Amino acid sequence: MTSVGPTSPDKVRRASHEPPPNAVGPPAKIDSPDHPTLLEIAAREKKIETWDALNVGGYPWAKPGAIVGFLVSAVMMVIALTPIPPNWPWDIPLVILSVFTSVATVVCGLLWFDNPDIGARPESLEIVPFSRAENLRLMQEQAVEPFQAACTCPGCGHASTHRIREPADNEPHWAAATRHCAVCKREWAQA
């Protein structure tokens, strides 16, 4: 009696969990780069924005403000404290104004000499695409994942209805579908 349909040696090998005939020795060491997620990229962009806001290049008005404030305060104190007539009706307002100007001078002086250390500008992160070898290694290590129409990419965190294809021979035997993320090129299996 003959079989009803042709059987493919690939399907038989897939079902028996045997390695393909051309696989010899232990798997090669795969150099995997750092793959940031979309959340990590957004957090780094926030840090860069904060750094740019803090890096204003000092306070350009602090030096002239300190110098002018010191001179104006000194002139007002001299006028208020010297017994030159007819300045006596202006003594109290000039002293009050001189005190406020002195406070503003001190603030400008402190800002003039303030040099906060905000460190170097953080480097921006970019999506690094996954290679085929990385995808295969990660698929072999992953646990069984049930099929979902819309899911989150395990590589970058992008939530979408990712492309679906049939699993290849060297992908997990339990896989009913292989998902593909368009953002980071990550592939993963789903049952």
Protein backbone atom coordinates (compact mmCIF):
# COMPACT_ATOMS: atom_id res chain seq x y z
CA MET A 1 0.00 0.00 0.00
CA THR A 2 1.33 3.45 -0.88
CA SER A 3 1.16 6.59 1.20
CA VAL A 4 -1.63 9.04 0.53
CA GLY A 5 0.55 12.17 0.11
CA PRO A 6 4.20 12.82 -0.52
CA THR A 7 6.23 13.28 2.64
CA SER A 8 9.00 15.77 2.70
CA PRO A 9 12.26 14.85 4.45
CA ASP A 10 12.29 18.40 5.91
CA LYS A 11 8.94 17.85 7.65
CA VAL A 12 10.11 14.50 8.99
CA ARG A 13 13.33 16.03 10.30
CA ARG A 14 11.38 18.90 11.91
CA ALA A 15 9.10 16.53 13.71
CA SER A 16 11.93 14.33 14.98
CA HIS A 17 13.95 17.21 16.48
CA GLU A 18 17.10 16.15 14.66
CA PRO A 19 19.59 18.78 13.54
CA PRO A 20 19.86 19.38 9.80
CA PRO A 21 22.40 17.14 8.04
CA ASN A 22 24.76 20.04 7.26
CA ALA A 23 25.08 21.13 10.94
CA VAL A 24 28.43 20.02 12.29
CA GLY A 25 29.86 20.76 15.75
CA PRO A 26 28.73 23.27 18.36
CA PRO A 27 26.95 26.43 17.26
CA ALA A 28 29.19 29.36 16.40
CA LYS A 29 29.62 32.20 18.91
CA ILE A 30 27.36 35.07 17.85
CA ASP A 31 28.48 38.57 18.68
CA SER A 32 25.26 40.35 19.58
CA PRO A 33 25.25 44.14 19.85
CA ASP A 34 23.23 46.00 22.44
CA HIS A 35 19.64 46.31 21.27
CA PRO A 36 17.86 49.20 23.05
CA THR A 37 14.10 49.15 23.38
CA LEU A 38 11.84 52.00 22.34
CA LEU A 39 11.33 52.79 26.04
CA GLU A 40 15.10 53.08 26.60
CA ILE A 41 15.43 55.32 23.54
CA ALA A 42 12.65 57.60 24.82
CA ALA A 43 14.28 57.78 28.27
CA ARG A 44 17.64 58.69 26.69
CA GLU A 45 16.00 61.40 24.55
CA LYS A 46 14.49 62.82 27.77
CA LYS A 47 17.96 62.87 29.37
CA ILE A 48 19.36 64.66 26.31
CA GLU A 49 16.59 67.27 26.46
CA THR A 50 17.30 67.81 30.17
CA TRP A 51 21.03 68.15 29.47
CA ASP A 52 20.36 70.68 26.69
CA ALA A 53 18.13 72.70 29.03
CA LEU A 54 20.84 72.76 31.73
CA ASN A 55 23.65 73.53 29.30
CA VAL A 56 22.79 77.16 28.63
CA GLY A 57 26.43 78.23 28.59
CA GLY A 58 26.32 80.09 31.88
CA TYR A 59 24.40 83.27 32.62
CA PRO A 60 25.42 85.96 30.11
CA TRP A 61 23.78 88.76 32.13
CA ALA A 62 25.41 87.83 35.46
CA LYS A 63 28.80 89.52 34.93
CA PRO A 64 27.47 92.90 33.75
CA GLY A 65 24.69 92.72 36.35
CA ALA A 66 27.21 92.20 39.16
CA ILE A 67 29.48 95.02 37.97
CA VAL A 68 26.69 97.55 37.31
CA GLY A 69 24.88 96.58 40.51
CA PHE A 70 28.04 97.08 42.58
CA LEU A 71 28.70 100.50 41.05
CA VAL A 72 25.09 101.69 41.41
CA SER A 73 24.89 100.41 44.99
CA ALA A 74 28.17 102.14 45.90
CA VAL A 75 27.07 105.46 44.38
CA MET A 76 23.69 105.31 46.18
CA MET A 77 25.34 104.54 49.53
CA VAL A 78 27.79 107.43 49.08
CA ILE A 79 24.97 109.84 48.24
CA ALA A 80 22.81 108.58 51.13
CA LEU A 81 25.57 108.67 53.79
CA THR A 82 27.42 111.88 52.92
CA PRO A 83 26.19 115.10 54.55
CA ILE A 84 25.81 116.95 51.27
CA PRO A 85 22.71 119.17 51.30
CA PRO A 86 19.89 118.79 49.89
CA ASN A 87 20.01 114.98 49.92
CA TRP A 88 18.41 114.50 53.34
CA PRO A 89 14.83 113.80 52.02
CA TRP A 90 16.21 111.00 49.83
CA ASP A 91 18.37 109.25 52.43
CA ILE A 92 15.92 106.54 53.52
CA PRO A 93 14.62 105.62 50.03
CA LEU A 94 18.23 105.56 48.72
CA VAL A 95 19.37 103.26 51.52
CA ILE A 96 16.42 100.88 50.88
CA LEU A 97 17.11 100.90 47.14
CA SER A 98 20.82 100.42 47.81
CA VAL A 99 20.11 97.34 49.96
CA PHE A 100 17.94 95.77 47.22
CA THR A 101 20.61 96.57 44.61
CA SER A 102 23.27 95.01 46.85
CA VAL A 103 21.22 91.81 47.12
CA ALA A 104 20.80 91.72 43.34
CA THR A 105 24.56 92.31 42.99
CA VAL A 106 25.33 89.35 45.26
CA VAL A 107 22.95 87.11 43.31
CA CYS A 108 24.51 88.17 39.99
CA GLY A 109 27.99 87.62 41.44
CA LEU A 110 27.11 84.11 42.62
CA LEU A 111 25.66 83.26 39.22
CA TRP A 112 28.71 84.75 37.51
CA PHE A 113 31.07 82.42 39.38
CA ASP A 114 28.70 79.45 39.36
CA ASN A 115 29.94 76.71 37.08
CA PRO A 116 27.75 73.62 37.51
CA ASP A 117 29.22 70.31 36.32
CA ILE A 118 26.49 68.67 34.28
CA GLY A 119 28.80 66.11 32.69
CA ALA A 120 29.10 65.14 29.07
CA ARG A 121 26.11 65.13 26.75
CA PRO A 122 24.46 61.69 26.73
CA GLU A 123 24.74 59.87 23.43
CA SER A 124 21.51 59.15 21.62
CA LEU A 125 20.38 55.56 21.14
CA GLU A 126 19.23 54.04 17.89
CA ILE A 127 17.48 50.83 16.98
CA VAL A 128 20.03 48.17 16.04
CA PRO A 129 18.52 45.58 13.67
CA PHE A 130 18.73 41.93 14.71
CA SER A 131 20.71 39.60 12.45
CA ARG A 132 19.38 36.24 11.27
CA ALA A 133 21.86 34.41 13.53
CA GLU A 134 20.71 36.41 16.57
CA ASN A 135 17.08 35.72 15.74
CA LEU A 136 17.71 31.99 15.46
CA ARG A 137 19.64 31.90 18.75
CA LEU A 138 16.91 33.86 20.56
CA MET A 139 14.15 31.70 19.08
CA GLN A 140 15.88 28.52 20.26
CA GLU A 141 16.11 29.99 23.79
CA GLN A 142 12.57 31.35 24.00
CA ALA A 143 9.72 29.69 25.84
CA VAL A 144 6.56 28.62 24.05
CA GLU A 145 4.51 31.72 23.32
CA PRO A 146 0.83 31.48 22.37
CA PHE A 147 -0.31 33.12 19.17
CA GLN A 148 -1.80 36.61 19.46
CA ALA A 149 -2.93 38.81 16.60
CA ALA A 150 -1.50 41.98 18.13
CA CYS A 151 1.57 41.57 20.30
CA THR A 152 4.65 43.38 21.58
CA CYS A 153 8.03 42.79 19.99
CA PRO A 154 10.43 41.24 22.53
CA GLY A 155 13.31 43.13 20.93
CA CYS A 156 12.22 46.76 20.89
CA GLY A 157 8.82 46.79 22.61
CA HIS A 158 6.89 47.93 19.52
CA ALA A 159 3.24 46.89 19.90
CA SER A 160 1.62 46.05 16.59
CA THR A 161 0.20 43.29 14.40
CA HIS A 162 3.62 42.13 13.23
CA ARG A 163 4.14 40.28 9.96
CA ILE A 164 3.64 36.52 10.08
CA ARG A 165 5.37 33.81 8.07
CA GLU A 166 5.66 30.04 8.23
CA PRO A 167 8.52 28.79 10.41
CA ALA A 168 11.70 27.64 8.70
CA ASP A 169 13.37 24.28 9.35
CA ASN A 170 15.93 25.60 11.84
CA GLU A 171 13.35 27.40 13.98
CA PRO A 172 11.62 25.85 17.04
CA HIS A 173 9.62 22.70 16.27
CA TRP A 174 6.62 23.90 18.28
CA ALA A 175 6.28 27.11 16.24
CA ALA A 176 3.10 27.52 14.24
CA ALA A 177 4.07 31.01 13.05
CA THR A 178 7.12 33.26 13.06
CA ARG A 179 6.56 36.96 13.73
CA HIS A 180 8.74 39.70 12.23
CA CYS A 181 9.08 43.23 13.66
CA ALA A 182 9.48 45.92 11.03
CA VAL A 183 11.16 48.32 13.49
CA CYS A 184 14.08 46.22 14.78
CA LYS A 185 13.96 43.20 12.42
CA ARG A 186 13.49 40.84 15.41
CA GLU A 187 11.85 37.49 14.71
CA TRP A 188 10.20 35.24 17.30
CA ALA A 189 8.09 32.14 17.25
CA GLN A 190 4.49 31.71 18.36
CA ALA A 191 2.55 28.48 18.82
